[in-house]
Amino acid sequence: MHLVPEDRAHRRAIDEHTVCEAIAAIGDPETVRGWASRFSMLAEPNRLSVLLAIHRAGPIAVTDLALATGVNEPAVSQILRLLRVSNTVVAEKDGRVVRYRLIDHDTATLLDSLPPLHQAV
């Protein structure tokens, strides 16, 4: 079991080959933490709504995000601050207006995999 870390090498495996495949599939712990962080960003409905609006509507201002998502402007601003700190979105000035754009390719790929969510109008 060449991939089993030394601290677990004393434990018994049922299928050593499968254990090594599973360890290889998990990969680097830092990468796993990064993906867990991305998934936690998507786990809160208001953050997910803001991310979907930014991703699918293009660069968009806070006021327009609040209107589109139904989330109040201070809450949208708080969400955007979190998304900026995590390097998920970037703020770009357009005259006096600041618009937000999704820059994290992996998050964009995850959002692309979601089917369109239709809402009754």
PDB file of N, CA and C in Angstrom:
ATOM      1  N   MET A   1       0.847  -1.166   0.000  1.00  0.00           N
ATOM      2  CA  MET A   1       0.000   0.000   0.000  1.00  0.00           C
ATOM      3  C   MET A   1       0.898   1.235   0.000  1.00  0.00           C
ATOM      4  N   HIS A   2       1.425   1.511  -1.148  1.00  0.00           N
ATOM      5  CA  HIS A   2       2.449   2.528  -1.286  1.00  0.00           C
ATOM      6  C   HIS A   2       1.957   3.959  -1.053  1.00  0.00           C
ATOM      7  N   LEU A   3       0.657   4.244  -1.142  1.00  0.00           N
ATOM      8  CA  LEU A   3       0.159   5.603  -0.962  1.00  0.00           C
ATOM      9  C   LEU A   3      -0.360   5.879   0.453  1.00  0.00           C
ATOM     10  N   VAL A   4      -0.470   4.856   1.262  1.00  0.00           N
ATOM     11  CA  VAL A   4      -0.989   5.040   2.622  1.00  0.00           C
ATOM     12  C   VAL A   4       0.060   5.780   3.449  1.00  0.00           C
ATOM     13  N   PRO A   5      -0.341   6.893   4.076  1.00  0.00           N
ATOM     14  CA  PRO A   5       0.597   7.630   4.922  1.00  0.00           C
ATOM     15  C   PRO A   5       1.103   6.757   6.063  1.00  0.00           C
ATOM     16  N   GLU A   6       2.293   7.046   6.503  1.00  0.00           N
ATOM     17  CA  GLU A   6       2.952   6.234   7.527  1.00  0.00           C
ATOM     18  C   GLU A   6       2.115   6.113   8.799  1.00  0.00           C
ATOM     19  N   ASP A   7       1.403   7.182   9.172  1.00  0.00           N
ATOM     20  CA  ASP A   7       0.616   7.145  10.404  1.00  0.00           C
ATOM     21  C   ASP A   7      -0.596   6.210  10.311  1.00  0.00           C
ATOM     22  N   ARG A   8      -0.937   5.748   9.099  1.00  0.00           N
ATOM     23  CA  ARG A   8      -2.058   4.813   8.921  1.00  0.00           C
ATOM     24  C   ARG A   8      -1.598   3.453   8.406  1.00  0.00           C
ATOM     25  N   ALA A   9      -0.309   3.284   8.204  1.00  0.00           N
ATOM     26  CA  ALA A   9       0.228   2.065   7.580  1.00  0.00           C
ATOM     27  C   ALA A   9      -0.019   0.812   8.419  1.00  0.00           C
ATOM     28  N   HIS A  10      -0.206   0.943   9.706  1.00  0.00           N
ATOM     29  CA  HIS A  10      -0.428  -0.215  10.579  1.00  0.00           C
ATOM     30  C   HIS A  10      -1.856  -0.752  10.490  1.00  0.00           C
ATOM     31  N   ARG A  11      -2.746  -0.024   9.862  1.00  0.00           N
ATOM     32  CA  ARG A  11      -4.145  -0.443   9.783  1.00  0.00           C
ATOM     33  C   ARG A  11      -4.342  -1.451   8.650  1.00  0.00           C
ATOM     34  N   ARG A  12      -5.291  -2.344   8.845  1.00  0.00           N
ATOM     35  CA  ARG A  12      -5.558  -3.425   7.893  1.00  0.00           C
ATOM     36  C   ARG A  12      -6.479  -2.942   6.776  1.00  0.00           C
ATOM     37  N   ALA A  13      -6.186  -3.325   5.559  1.00  0.00           N
ATOM     38  CA  ALA A  13      -7.031  -3.006   4.406  1.00  0.00           C
ATOM     39  C   ALA A  13      -7.680  -4.272   3.880  1.00  0.00           C
ATOM     40  N   ILE A  14      -8.874  -4.150   3.369  1.00  0.00           N
ATOM     41  CA  ILE A  14      -9.541  -5.282   2.732  1.00  0.00           C
ATOM     42  C   ILE A  14      -9.035  -5.414   1.307  1.00  0.00           C
ATOM     43  N   ASP A  15      -8.945  -4.303   0.596  1.00  0.00           N
ATOM     44  CA  ASP A  15      -8.466  -4.307  -0.786  1.00  0.00           C
ATOM     45  C   ASP A  15      -7.432  -3.190  -0.932  1.00  0.00           C
ATOM     46  N   GLU A  16      -6.173  -3.546  -0.847  1.00  0.00           N
ATOM     47  CA  GLU A  16      -5.087  -2.567  -0.849  1.00  0.00           C
ATOM     48  C   GLU A  16      -5.080  -1.711  -2.123  1.00  0.00           C
ATOM     49  N   HIS A  17      -5.372  -2.328  -3.257  1.00  0.00           N
ATOM     50  CA  HIS A  17      -5.381  -1.595  -4.516  1.00  0.00           C
ATOM     51  C   HIS A  17      -6.454  -0.495  -4.499  1.00  0.00           C
ATOM     52  N   THR A  18      -7.638  -0.826  -3.980  1.00  0.00           N
ATOM     53  CA  THR A  18      -8.728   0.145  -3.903  1.00  0.00           C
ATOM     54  C   THR A  18      -8.381   1.276  -2.938  1.00  0.00           C
ATOM     55  N   VAL A  19      -7.715   0.938  -1.844  1.00  0.00           N
ATOM     56  CA  VAL A  19      -7.294   1.973  -0.895  1.00  0.00           C
ATOM     57  C   VAL A  19      -6.351   2.958  -1.582  1.00  0.00           C
ATOM     58  N   CYS A  20      -5.386   2.455  -2.330  1.00  0.00           N
ATOM     59  CA  CYS A  20      -4.447   3.333  -3.047  1.00  0.00           C
ATOM     60  C   CYS A  20      -5.170   4.177  -4.096  1.00  0.00           C
ATOM     61  N   GLU A  21      -6.126   3.605  -4.806  1.00  0.00           N
ATOM     62  CA  GLU A  21      -6.910   4.378  -5.779  1.00  0.00           C
ATOM     63  C   GLU A  21      -7.703   5.479  -5.089  1.00  0.00           C
ATOM     64  N   ALA A  22      -8.287   5.161  -3.930  1.00  0.00           N
ATOM     65  CA  ALA A  22      -9.064   6.148  -3.183  1.00  0.00           C
ATOM     66  C   ALA A  22      -8.165   7.287  -2.705  1.00  0.00           C
ATOM     67  N   ILE A  23      -6.981   6.974  -2.215  1.00  0.00           N
ATOM     68  CA  ILE A  23      -6.046   8.001  -1.755  1.00  0.00           C
ATOM     69  C   ILE A  23      -5.626   8.882  -2.928  1.00  0.00           C
ATOM     70  N   ALA A  24      -5.359   8.280  -4.072  1.00  0.00           N
ATOM     71  CA  ALA A  24      -4.983   9.052  -5.257  1.00  0.00           C
ATOM     72  C   ALA A  24      -6.140   9.952  -5.705  1.00  0.00           C
ATOM     73  N   ALA A  25      -7.367   9.448  -5.592  1.00  0.00           N
ATOM     74  CA  ALA A  25      -8.545  10.234  -5.999  1.00  0.00           C
ATOM     75  C   ALA A  25      -8.761  11.434  -5.083  1.00  0.00           C
ATOM     76  N   ILE A  26      -8.484  11.272  -3.815  1.00  0.00           N
ATOM     77  CA  ILE A  26      -8.644  12.372  -2.858  1.00  0.00           C
ATOM     78  C   ILE A  26      -7.619  13.460  -3.150  1.00  0.00           C
ATOM     79  N   GLY A  27      -6.407  13.057  -3.431  1.00  0.00           N
ATOM     80  CA  GLY A  27      -5.367  14.022  -3.781  1.00  0.00           C
ATOM     81  C   GLY A  27      -4.830  14.798  -2.597  1.00  0.00           C
ATOM     82  N   ASP A  28      -4.287  15.941  -2.920  1.00  0.00           N
ATOM     83  CA  ASP A  28      -3.629  16.806  -1.959  1.00  0.00           C
ATOM     84  C   ASP A  28      -4.627  17.399  -0.965  1.00  0.00           C
ATOM     85  N   PRO A  29      -4.355  17.338   0.339  1.00  0.00           N
ATOM     86  CA  PRO A  29      -5.271  17.897   1.341  1.00  0.00           C
ATOM     87  C   PRO A  29      -5.563  19.381   1.123  1.00  0.00           C
ATOM     88  N   GLU A  30      -4.614  20.144   0.630  1.00  0.00           N
ATOM     89  CA  GLU A  30      -4.833  21.573   0.382  1.00  0.00           C
ATOM     90  C   GLU A  30      -5.859  21.779  -0.736  1.00  0.00           C
ATOM     91  N   THR A  31      -5.813  20.931  -1.758  1.00  0.00           N
ATOM     92  CA  THR A  31      -6.784  20.997  -2.843  1.00  0.00           C
ATOM     93  C   THR A  31      -8.181  20.651  -2.322  1.00  0.00           C
ATOM     94  N   VAL A  32      -8.262  19.656  -1.467  1.00  0.00           N
ATOM     95  CA  VAL A  32      -9.550  19.266  -0.874  1.00  0.00           C
ATOM     96  C   VAL A  32     -10.111  20.427  -0.060  1.00  0.00           C
ATOM     97  N   ARG A  33      -9.265  21.103   0.713  1.00  0.00           N
ATOM     98  CA  ARG A  33      -9.727  22.264   1.493  1.00  0.00           C
ATOM     99  C   ARG A  33     -10.238  23.367   0.567  1.00  0.00           C
ATOM    100  N   GLY A  34      -9.559  23.587  -0.549  1.00  0.00           N
ATOM    101  CA  GLY A  34      -9.996  24.598  -1.510  1.00  0.00           C
ATOM    102  C   GLY A  34     -11.369  24.289  -2.080  1.00  0.00           C
ATOM    103  N   TRP A  35     -11.590  23.031  -2.448  1.00  0.00           N
ATOM    104  CA  TRP A  35     -12.901  22.645  -2.978  1.00  0.00           C
ATOM    105  C   TRP A  35     -13.980  22.739  -1.906  1.00  0.00           C
ATOM    106  N   ALA A  36     -13.642  22.342  -0.673  1.00  0.00           N
ATOM    107  CA  ALA A  36     -14.615  22.440   0.424  1.00  0.00           C
ATOM    108  C   ALA A  36     -15.012  23.902   0.642  1.00  0.00           C
ATOM    109  N   SER A  37     -14.054  24.800   0.520  1.00  0.00           N
ATOM    110  CA  SER A  37     -14.338  26.223   0.655  1.00  0.00           C
ATOM    111  C   SER A  37     -15.277  26.698  -0.460  1.00  0.00           C
ATOM    112  N   ARG A  38     -15.032  26.254  -1.698  1.00  0.00           N
ATOM    113  CA  ARG A  38     -15.921  26.617  -2.811  1.00  0.00           C
ATOM    114  C   ARG A  38     -17.337  26.111  -2.562  1.00  0.00           C
ATOM    115  N   PHE A  39     -17.429  24.860  -2.138  1.00  0.00           N
ATOM    116  CA  PHE A  39     -18.762  24.305  -1.880  1.00  0.00           C
ATOM    117  C   PHE A  39     -19.458  25.040  -0.744  1.00  0.00           C
ATOM    118  N   SER A  40     -18.726  25.481   0.271  1.00  0.00           N
ATOM    119  CA  SER A  40     -19.361  26.225   1.356  1.00  0.00           C
ATOM    120  C   SER A  40     -19.874  27.572   0.850  1.00  0.00           C
ATOM    121  N   MET A  41     -19.183  28.167  -0.124  1.00  0.00           N
ATOM    122  CA  MET A  41     -19.667  29.413  -0.733  1.00  0.00           C
ATOM    123  C   MET A  41     -21.024  29.197  -1.399  1.00  0.00           C
ATOM    124  N   LEU A  42     -21.199  28.036  -1.994  1.00  0.00           N
ATOM    125  CA  LEU A  42     -22.432  27.731  -2.726  1.00  0.00           C
ATOM    126  C   LEU A  42     -23.539  27.217  -1.809  1.00  0.00           C
ATOM    127  N   ALA A  43     -23.199  26.901  -0.553  1.00  0.00           N
ATOM    128  CA  ALA A  43     -24.156  26.238   0.337  1.00  0.00           C
ATOM    129  C   ALA A  43     -25.196  27.176   0.934  1.00  0.00           C
ATOM    130  N   GLU A  44     -24.971  28.478   0.886  1.00  0.00           N
ATOM    131  CA  GLU A  44     -25.915  29.436   1.469  1.00  0.00           C
ATOM    132  C   GLU A  44     -26.766  30.009   0.332  1.00  0.00           C
ATOM    133  N   PRO A  45     -28.098  29.936   0.424  1.00  0.00           N
ATOM    134  CA  PRO A  45     -28.969  30.341  -0.687  1.00  0.00           C
ATOM    135  C   PRO A  45     -28.753  31.765  -1.207  1.00  0.00           C
ATOM    136  N   ASN A  46     -28.560  32.738  -0.319  1.00  0.00           N
ATOM    137  CA  ASN A  46     -28.355  34.108  -0.803  1.00  0.00           C
ATOM    138  C   ASN A  46     -27.028  34.247  -1.554  1.00  0.00           C
ATOM    139  N   ARG A  47     -25.968  33.614  -1.052  1.00  0.00           N
ATOM    140  CA  ARG A  47     -24.685  33.658  -1.763  1.00  0.00           C
ATOM    141  C   ARG A  47     -24.803  32.982  -3.113  1.00  0.00           C
ATOM    142  N   LEU A  48     -25.481  31.844  -3.142  1.00  0.00           N
ATOM    143  CA  LEU A  48     -25.661  31.140  -4.409  1.00  0.00           C
ATOM    144  C   LEU A  48     -26.451  31.996  -5.391  1.00  0.00           C
ATOM    145  N   SER A  49     -27.497  32.662  -4.912  1.00  0.00           N
ATOM    146  CA  SER A  49     -28.286  33.542  -5.785  1.00  0.00           C
ATOM    147  C   SER A  49     -27.427  34.667  -6.352  1.00  0.00           C
ATOM    148  N   VAL A  50     -26.624  35.289  -5.500  1.00  0.00           N
ATOM    149  CA  VAL A  50     -25.744  36.373  -5.947  1.00  0.00           C
ATOM    150  C   VAL A  50     -24.730  35.843  -6.964  1.00  0.00           C
ATOM    151  N   LEU A  51     -24.131  34.704  -6.683  1.00  0.00           N
ATOM    152  CA  LEU A  51     -23.152  34.123  -7.620  1.00  0.00           C
ATOM    153  C   LEU A  51     -23.792  33.771  -8.958  1.00  0.00           C
ATOM    154  N   LEU A  52     -24.972  33.180  -8.926  1.00  0.00           N
ATOM    155  CA  LEU A  52     -25.654  32.843 -10.178  1.00  0.00           C
ATOM    156  C   LEU A  52     -25.979  34.096 -10.978  1.00  0.00           C
ATOM    157  N   ALA A  53     -26.440  35.140 -10.297  1.00  0.00           N
ATOM    158  CA  ALA A  53     -26.767  36.387 -10.995  1.00  0.00           C
ATOM    159  C   ALA A  53     -25.517  36.995 -11.625  1.00  0.00           C
ATOM    160  N   ILE A  54     -24.431  37.023 -10.875  1.00  0.00           N
ATOM    161  CA  ILE A  54     -23.187  37.584 -11.413  1.00  0.00           C
ATOM    162  C   ILE A  54     -22.702  36.752 -12.590  1.00  0.00           C
ATOM    163  N   HIS A  55     -22.713  35.456 -12.429  1.00  0.00           N
ATOM    164  CA  HIS A  55     -22.184  34.555 -13.468  1.00  0.00           C
ATOM    165  C   HIS A  55     -23.017  34.589 -14.741  1.00  0.00           C
ATOM    166  N   ARG A  56     -24.327  34.544 -14.585  1.00  0.00           N
ATOM    167  CA  ARG A  56     -25.176  34.412 -15.773  1.00  0.00           C
ATOM    168  C   ARG A  56     -25.595  35.745 -16.386  1.00  0.00           C
ATOM    169  N   ALA A  57     -25.512  36.845 -15.611  1.00  0.00           N
ATOM    170  CA  ALA A  57     -25.927  38.151 -16.153  1.00  0.00           C
ATOM    171  C   ALA A  57     -24.734  39.036 -16.496  1.00  0.00           C
ATOM    172  N   GLY A  58     -23.532  38.582 -16.168  1.00  0.00           N
ATOM    173  CA  GLY A  58     -22.356  39.389 -16.478  1.00  0.00           C
ATOM    174  C   GLY A  58     -22.071  40.396 -15.389  1.00  0.00           C
ATOM    175  N   PRO A  59     -21.160  41.307 -15.608  1.00  0.00           N
ATOM    176  CA  PRO A  59     -20.849  42.307 -14.579  1.00  0.00           C
ATOM    177  C   PRO A  59     -22.122  43.049 -14.167  1.00  0.00           C
ATOM    178  N   ILE A  60     -22.321  43.170 -12.851  1.00  0.00           N
ATOM    179  CA  ILE A  60     -23.571  43.723 -12.332  1.00  0.00           C
ATOM    180  C   ILE A  60     -23.304  44.504 -11.053  1.00  0.00           C
ATOM    181  N   ALA A  61     -24.063  45.579 -10.855  1.00  0.00           N
ATOM    182  CA  ALA A  61     -23.915  46.462  -9.700  1.00  0.00           C
ATOM    183  C   ALA A  61     -24.671  45.913  -8.487  1.00  0.00           C
ATOM    184  N   VAL A  62     -24.277  46.372  -7.295  1.00  0.00           N
ATOM    185  CA  VAL A  62     -24.898  45.934  -6.044  1.00  0.00           C
ATOM    186  C   VAL A  62     -26.407  46.179  -6.057  1.00  0.00           C
ATOM    187  N   THR A  63     -26.822  47.373  -6.464  1.00  0.00           N
ATOM    188  CA  THR A  63     -28.250  47.712  -6.491  1.00  0.00           C
ATOM    189  C   THR A  63     -29.014  46.743  -7.381  1.00  0.00           C
ATOM    190  N   ASP A  64     -28.444  46.424  -8.535  1.00  0.00           N
ATOM    191  CA  ASP A  64     -29.103  45.500  -9.461  1.00  0.00           C
ATOM    192  C   ASP A  64     -29.099  44.081  -8.918  1.00  0.00           C
ATOM    193  N   LEU A  65     -28.034  43.691  -8.223  1.00  0.00           N
ATOM    194  CA  LEU A  65     -27.998  42.365  -7.587  1.00  0.00           C
ATOM    195  C   LEU A  65     -29.079  42.258  -6.521  1.00  0.00           C
ATOM    196  N   ALA A  66     -29.234  43.319  -5.723  1.00  0.00           N
ATOM    197  CA  ALA A  66     -30.263  43.316  -4.672  1.00  0.00           C
ATOM    198  C   ALA A  66     -31.655  43.185  -5.288  1.00  0.00           C
ATOM    199  N   LEU A  67     -31.896  43.929  -6.356  1.00  0.00           N
ATOM    200  CA  LEU A  67     -33.189  43.867  -7.035  1.00  0.00           C
ATOM    201  C   LEU A  67     -33.434  42.485  -7.637  1.00  0.00           C
ATOM    202  N   ALA A  68     -32.421  41.939  -8.285  1.00  0.00           N
ATOM    203  CA  ALA A  68     -32.562  40.636  -8.955  1.00  0.00           C
ATOM    204  C   ALA A  68     -32.737  39.481  -7.976  1.00  0.00           C
ATOM    205  N   THR A  69     -32.028  39.533  -6.844  1.00  0.00           N
ATOM    206  CA  THR A  69     -32.036  38.406  -5.906  1.00  0.00           C
ATOM    207  C   THR A  69     -33.069  38.526  -4.801  1.00  0.00           C
ATOM    208  N   GLY A  70     -33.550  39.766  -4.556  1.00  0.00           N
ATOM    209  CA  GLY A  70     -34.467  39.972  -3.440  1.00  0.00           C
ATOM    210  C   GLY A  70     -33.759  40.066  -2.103  1.00  0.00           C
ATOM    211  N   VAL A  71     -32.438  40.148  -2.134  1.00  0.00           N
ATOM    212  CA  VAL A  71     -31.632  40.281  -0.921  1.00  0.00           C
ATOM    213  C   VAL A  71     -31.350  41.776  -0.742  1.00  0.00           C
ATOM    214  N   ASN A  72     -31.455  42.298   0.486  1.00  0.00           N
ATOM    215  CA  ASN A  72     -31.252  43.737   0.679  1.00  0.00           C
ATOM    216  C   ASN A  72     -29.798  44.134   0.382  1.00  0.00           C
ATOM    217  N   GLU A  73     -29.607  45.402   0.018  1.00  0.00           N
ATOM    218  CA  GLU A  73     -28.289  45.884  -0.415  1.00  0.00           C
ATOM    219  C   GLU A  73     -27.179  45.668   0.615  1.00  0.00           C
ATOM    220  N   PRO A  74     -27.409  45.948   1.916  1.00  0.00           N
ATOM    221  CA  PRO A  74     -26.328  45.687   2.873  1.00  0.00           C
ATOM    222  C   PRO A  74     -25.917  44.212   2.906  1.00  0.00           C
ATOM    223  N   ALA A  75     -26.886  43.313   2.795  1.00  0.00           N
ATOM    224  CA  ALA A  75     -26.562  41.878   2.792  1.00  0.00           C
ATOM    225  C   ALA A  75     -25.812  41.500   1.518  1.00  0.00           C
ATOM    226  N   VAL A  76     -26.217  42.065   0.379  1.00  0.00           N
ATOM    227  CA  VAL A  76     -25.505  41.809  -0.882  1.00  0.00           C
ATOM    228  C   VAL A  76     -24.070  42.309  -0.762  1.00  0.00           C
ATOM    229  N   SER A  77     -23.889  43.496  -0.194  1.00  0.00           N
ATOM    230  CA  SER A  77     -22.537  44.043  -0.019  1.00  0.00           C
ATOM    231  C   SER A  77     -21.691  43.136   0.861  1.00  0.00           C
ATOM    232  N   GLN A  78     -22.279  42.596   1.919  1.00  0.00           N
ATOM    233  CA  GLN A  78     -21.567  41.672   2.815  1.00  0.00           C
ATOM    234  C   GLN A  78     -21.171  40.405   2.060  1.00  0.00           C
ATOM    235  N   ILE A  79     -22.083  39.875   1.274  1.00  0.00           N
ATOM    236  CA  ILE A  79     -21.792  38.682   0.463  1.00  0.00           C
ATOM    237  C   ILE A  79     -20.669  38.983  -0.512  1.00  0.00           C
ATOM    238  N   LEU A  80     -20.728  40.130  -1.164  1.00  0.00           N
ATOM    239  CA  LEU A  80     -19.699  40.492  -2.141  1.00  0.00           C
ATOM    240  C   LEU A  80     -18.333  40.661  -1.487  1.00  0.00           C
ATOM    241  N   ARG A  81     -18.314  41.199  -0.267  1.00  0.00           N
ATOM    242  CA  ARG A  81     -17.033  41.330   0.437  1.00  0.00           C
ATOM    243  C   ARG A  81     -16.418  39.948   0.667  1.00  0.00           C
ATOM    244  N   LEU A  82     -17.237  39.004   1.097  1.00  0.00           N
ATOM    245  CA  LEU A  82     -16.765  37.637   1.304  1.00  0.00           C
ATOM    246  C   LEU A  82     -16.269  37.026  -0.009  1.00  0.00           C
ATOM    247  N   LEU A  83     -17.004  37.250  -1.088  1.00  0.00           N
ATOM    248  CA  LEU A  83     -16.624  36.695  -2.391  1.00  0.00           C
ATOM    249  C   LEU A  83     -15.365  37.351  -2.943  1.00  0.00           C
ATOM    250  N   ARG A  84     -15.164  38.635  -2.645  1.00  0.00           N
ATOM    251  CA  ARG A  84     -13.923  39.309  -3.072  1.00  0.00           C
ATOM    252  C   ARG A  84     -12.728  38.766  -2.304  1.00  0.00           C
ATOM    253  N   VAL A  85     -12.868  38.624  -0.988  1.00  0.00           N
ATOM    254  CA  VAL A  85     -11.779  38.128  -0.146  1.00  0.00           C
ATOM    255  C   VAL A  85     -11.362  36.716  -0.569  1.00  0.00           C
ATOM    256  N   SER A  86     -12.319  35.925  -1.011  1.00  0.00           N
ATOM    257  CA  SER A  86     -12.024  34.548  -1.431  1.00  0.00           C
ATOM    258  C   SER A  86     -11.561  34.476  -2.886  1.00  0.00           C
ATOM    259  N   ASN A  87     -11.392  35.640  -3.520  1.00  0.00           N
ATOM    260  CA  ASN A  87     -10.978  35.706  -4.938  1.00  0.00           C
ATOM    261  C   ASN A  87     -11.952  34.996  -5.872  1.00  0.00           C
ATOM    262  N   THR A  88     -13.226  35.062  -5.530  1.00  0.00           N
ATOM    263  CA  THR A  88     -14.259  34.479  -6.370  1.00  0.00           C
ATOM    264  C   THR A  88     -14.796  35.509  -7.353  1.00  0.00           C
ATOM    265  N   VAL A  89     -14.942  36.747  -6.889  1.00  0.00           N
ATOM    266  CA  VAL A  89     -15.395  37.840  -7.750  1.00  0.00           C
ATOM    267  C   VAL A  89     -14.413  38.998  -7.656  1.00  0.00           C
ATOM    268  N   VAL A  90     -14.510  39.905  -8.624  1.00  0.00           N
ATOM    269  CA  VAL A  90     -13.703  41.119  -8.627  1.00  0.00           C
ATOM    270  C   VAL A  90     -14.638  42.297  -8.868  1.00  0.00           C
ATOM    271  N   ALA A  91     -14.308  43.422  -8.223  1.00  0.00           N
ATOM    272  CA  ALA A  91     -15.063  44.658  -8.415  1.00  0.00           C
ATOM    273  C   ALA A  91     -14.361  45.488  -9.481  1.00  0.00           C
ATOM    274  N   GLU A  92     -15.144  45.997 -10.420  1.00  0.00           N
ATOM    275  CA  GLU A  92     -14.590  46.831 -11.488  1.00  0.00           C
ATOM    276  C   GLU A  92     -15.384  48.126 -11.550  1.00  0.00           C
ATOM    277  N   LYS A  93     -14.666  49.255 -11.500  1.00  0.00           N
ATOM    278  CA  LYS A  93     -15.335  50.560 -11.584  1.00  0.00           C
ATOM    279  C   LYS A  93     -15.716  50.857 -13.016  1.00  0.00           C
ATOM    280  N   ASP A  94     -16.948  51.344 -13.174  1.00  0.00           N
ATOM    281  CA  ASP A  94     -17.470  51.766 -14.472  1.00  0.00           C
ATOM    282  C   ASP A  94     -18.036  53.160 -14.250  1.00  0.00           C
ATOM    283  N   GLY A  95     -17.159  54.181 -14.342  1.00  0.00           N
ATOM    284  CA  GLY A  95     -17.560  55.529 -13.966  1.00  0.00           C
ATOM    285  C   GLY A  95     -17.752  55.572 -12.460  1.00  0.00           C
ATOM    286  N   ARG A  96     -18.968  55.939 -12.030  1.00  0.00           N
ATOM    287  CA  ARG A  96     -19.265  55.975 -10.593  1.00  0.00           C
ATOM    288  C   ARG A  96     -19.873  54.675 -10.088  1.00  0.00           C
ATOM    289  N   VAL A  97     -20.116  53.750 -10.988  1.00  0.00           N
ATOM    290  CA  VAL A  97     -20.757  52.481 -10.631  1.00  0.00           C
ATOM    291  C   VAL A  97     -19.694  51.384 -10.515  1.00  0.00           C
ATOM    292  N   VAL A  98     -19.831  50.555  -9.484  1.00  0.00           N
ATOM    293  CA  VAL A  98     -18.958  49.392  -9.310  1.00  0.00           C
ATOM    294  C   VAL A  98     -19.756  48.166  -9.706  1.00  0.00           C
ATOM    295  N   ARG A  99     -19.202  47.398 -10.621  1.00  0.00           N
ATOM    296  CA  ARG A  99     -19.853  46.164 -11.077  1.00  0.00           C
ATOM    297  C   ARG A  99     -18.985  44.981 -10.664  1.00  0.00           C
ATOM    298  N   TYR A 100     -19.636  43.869 -10.403  1.00  0.00           N
ATOM    299  CA  TYR A 100     -18.946  42.669  -9.938  1.00  0.00           C
ATOM    300  C   TYR A 100     -18.971  41.600 -11.016  1.00  0.00           C
ATOM    301  N   ARG A 101     -17.826  40.924 -11.134  1.00  0.00           N
ATOM    302  CA  ARG A 101     -17.642  39.896 -12.161  1.00  0.00           C
ATOM    303  C   ARG A 101     -17.019  38.668 -11.508  1.00  0.00           C
ATOM    304  N   LEU A 102     -17.488  37.503 -11.889  1.00  0.00           N
ATOM    305  CA  LEU A 102     -16.946  36.234 -11.395  1.00  0.00           C
ATOM    306  C   LEU A 102     -15.598  35.975 -12.051  1.00  0.00           C
ATOM    307  N   ILE A 103     -14.579  35.675 -11.244  1.00  0.00           N
ATOM    308  CA  ILE A 103     -13.243  35.427 -11.795  1.00  0.00           C
ATOM    309  C   ILE A 103     -12.714  34.031 -11.478  1.00  0.00           C
ATOM    310  N   ASP A 104     -13.375  33.311 -10.573  1.00  0.00           N
ATOM    311  CA  ASP A 104     -12.889  31.973 -10.224  1.00  0.00           C
ATOM    312  C   ASP A 104     -13.431  30.964 -11.235  1.00  0.00           C
ATOM    313  N   HIS A 105     -12.531  30.448 -12.056  1.00  0.00           N
ATOM    314  CA  HIS A 105     -12.913  29.535 -13.135  1.00  0.00           C
ATOM    315  C   HIS A 105     -13.587  28.266 -12.595  1.00  0.00           C
ATOM    316  N   ASP A 106     -13.076  27.713 -11.506  1.00  0.00           N
ATOM    317  CA  ASP A 106     -13.655  26.477 -10.968  1.00  0.00           C
ATOM    318  C   ASP A 106     -15.079  26.698 -10.457  1.00  0.00           C
ATOM    319  N   THR A 107     -15.316  27.834  -9.816  1.00  0.00           N
ATOM    320  CA  THR A 107     -16.676  28.154  -9.367  1.00  0.00           C
ATOM    321  C   THR A 107     -17.594  28.350 -10.572  1.00  0.00           C
ATOM    322  N   ALA A 108     -17.094  29.009 -11.611  1.00  0.00           N
ATOM    323  CA  ALA A 108     -17.885  29.202 -12.835  1.00  0.00           C
ATOM    324  C   ALA A 108     -18.267  27.850 -13.434  1.00  0.00           C
ATOM    325  N   THR A 109     -17.335  26.923 -13.449  1.00  0.00           N
ATOM    326  CA  THR A 109     -17.608  25.588 -13.985  1.00  0.00           C
ATOM    327  C   THR A 109     -18.691  24.888 -13.162  1.00  0.00           C
ATOM    328  N   LEU A 110     -18.609  25.017 -11.838  1.00  0.00           N
ATOM    329  CA  LEU A 110     -19.647  24.428 -10.979  1.00  0.00           C
ATOM    330  C   LEU A 110     -21.015  25.049 -11.270  1.00  0.00           C
ATOM    331  N   LEU A 111     -21.040  26.377 -11.393  1.00  0.00           N
ATOM    332  CA  LEU A 111     -22.311  27.057 -11.668  1.00  0.00           C
ATOM    333  C   LEU A 111     -22.851  26.679 -13.042  1.00  0.00           C
ATOM    334  N   ASP A 112     -21.967  26.480 -14.004  1.00  0.00           N
ATOM    335  CA  ASP A 112     -22.399  26.050 -15.344  1.00  0.00           C
ATOM    336  C   ASP A 112     -23.051  24.677 -15.310  1.00  0.00           C
ATOM    337  N   SER A 113     -22.655  23.861 -14.339  1.00  0.00           N
ATOM    338  CA  SER A 113     -23.209  22.504 -14.274  1.00  0.00           C
ATOM    339  C   SER A 113     -24.609  22.472 -13.679  1.00  0.00           C
ATOM    340  N   LEU A 114     -25.049  23.593 -13.087  1.00  0.00           N
ATOM    341  CA  LEU A 114     -26.405  23.651 -12.534  1.00  0.00           C
ATOM    342  C   LEU A 114     -27.410  23.875 -13.649  1.00  0.00           C
ATOM    343  N   PRO A 115     -28.524  23.167 -13.615  1.00  0.00           N
ATOM    344  CA  PRO A 115     -29.563  23.447 -14.606  1.00  0.00           C
ATOM    345  C   PRO A 115     -30.177  24.809 -14.307  1.00  0.00           C
ATOM    346  N   PRO A 116     -30.700  25.495 -15.331  1.00  0.00           N
ATOM    347  CA  PRO A 116     -31.369  26.768 -15.071  1.00  0.00           C
ATOM    348  C   PRO A 116     -32.524  26.576 -14.092  1.00  0.00           C
ATOM    349  N   LEU A 117     -32.619  27.459 -13.138  1.00  0.00           N
ATOM    350  CA  LEU A 117     -33.693  27.378 -12.152  1.00  0.00           C
ATOM    351  C   LEU A 117     -34.786  28.345 -12.593  1.00  0.00           C
ATOM    352  N   HIS A 118     -35.914  27.813 -12.966  1.00  0.00           N
ATOM    353  CA  HIS A 118     -37.002  28.646 -13.471  1.00  0.00           C
ATOM    354  C   HIS A 118     -37.918  29.028 -12.327  1.00  0.00           C
ATOM    355  N   GLN A 119     -38.397  30.247 -12.388  1.00  0.00           N
ATOM    356  CA  GLN A 119     -39.277  30.738 -11.337  1.00  0.00           C
ATOM    357  C   GLN A 119     -40.529  31.293 -12.005  1.00  0.00           C
ATOM    358  N   ALA A 120     -41.657  31.064 -11.371  1.00  0.00           N
ATOM    359  CA  ALA A 120     -42.918  31.584 -11.900  1.00  0.00           C
ATOM    360  C   ALA A 120     -42.903  33.102 -11.821  1.00  0.00           C
ATOM    361  N   VAL A 121     -43.368  33.754 -12.867  1.00  0.00           N
ATOM    362  CA  VAL A 121     -43.386  35.218 -12.905  1.00  0.00           C
ATOM    363  C   VAL A 121     -44.792  35.734 -12.756  1.00  0.00           C
TER     364      VAL A 121
END
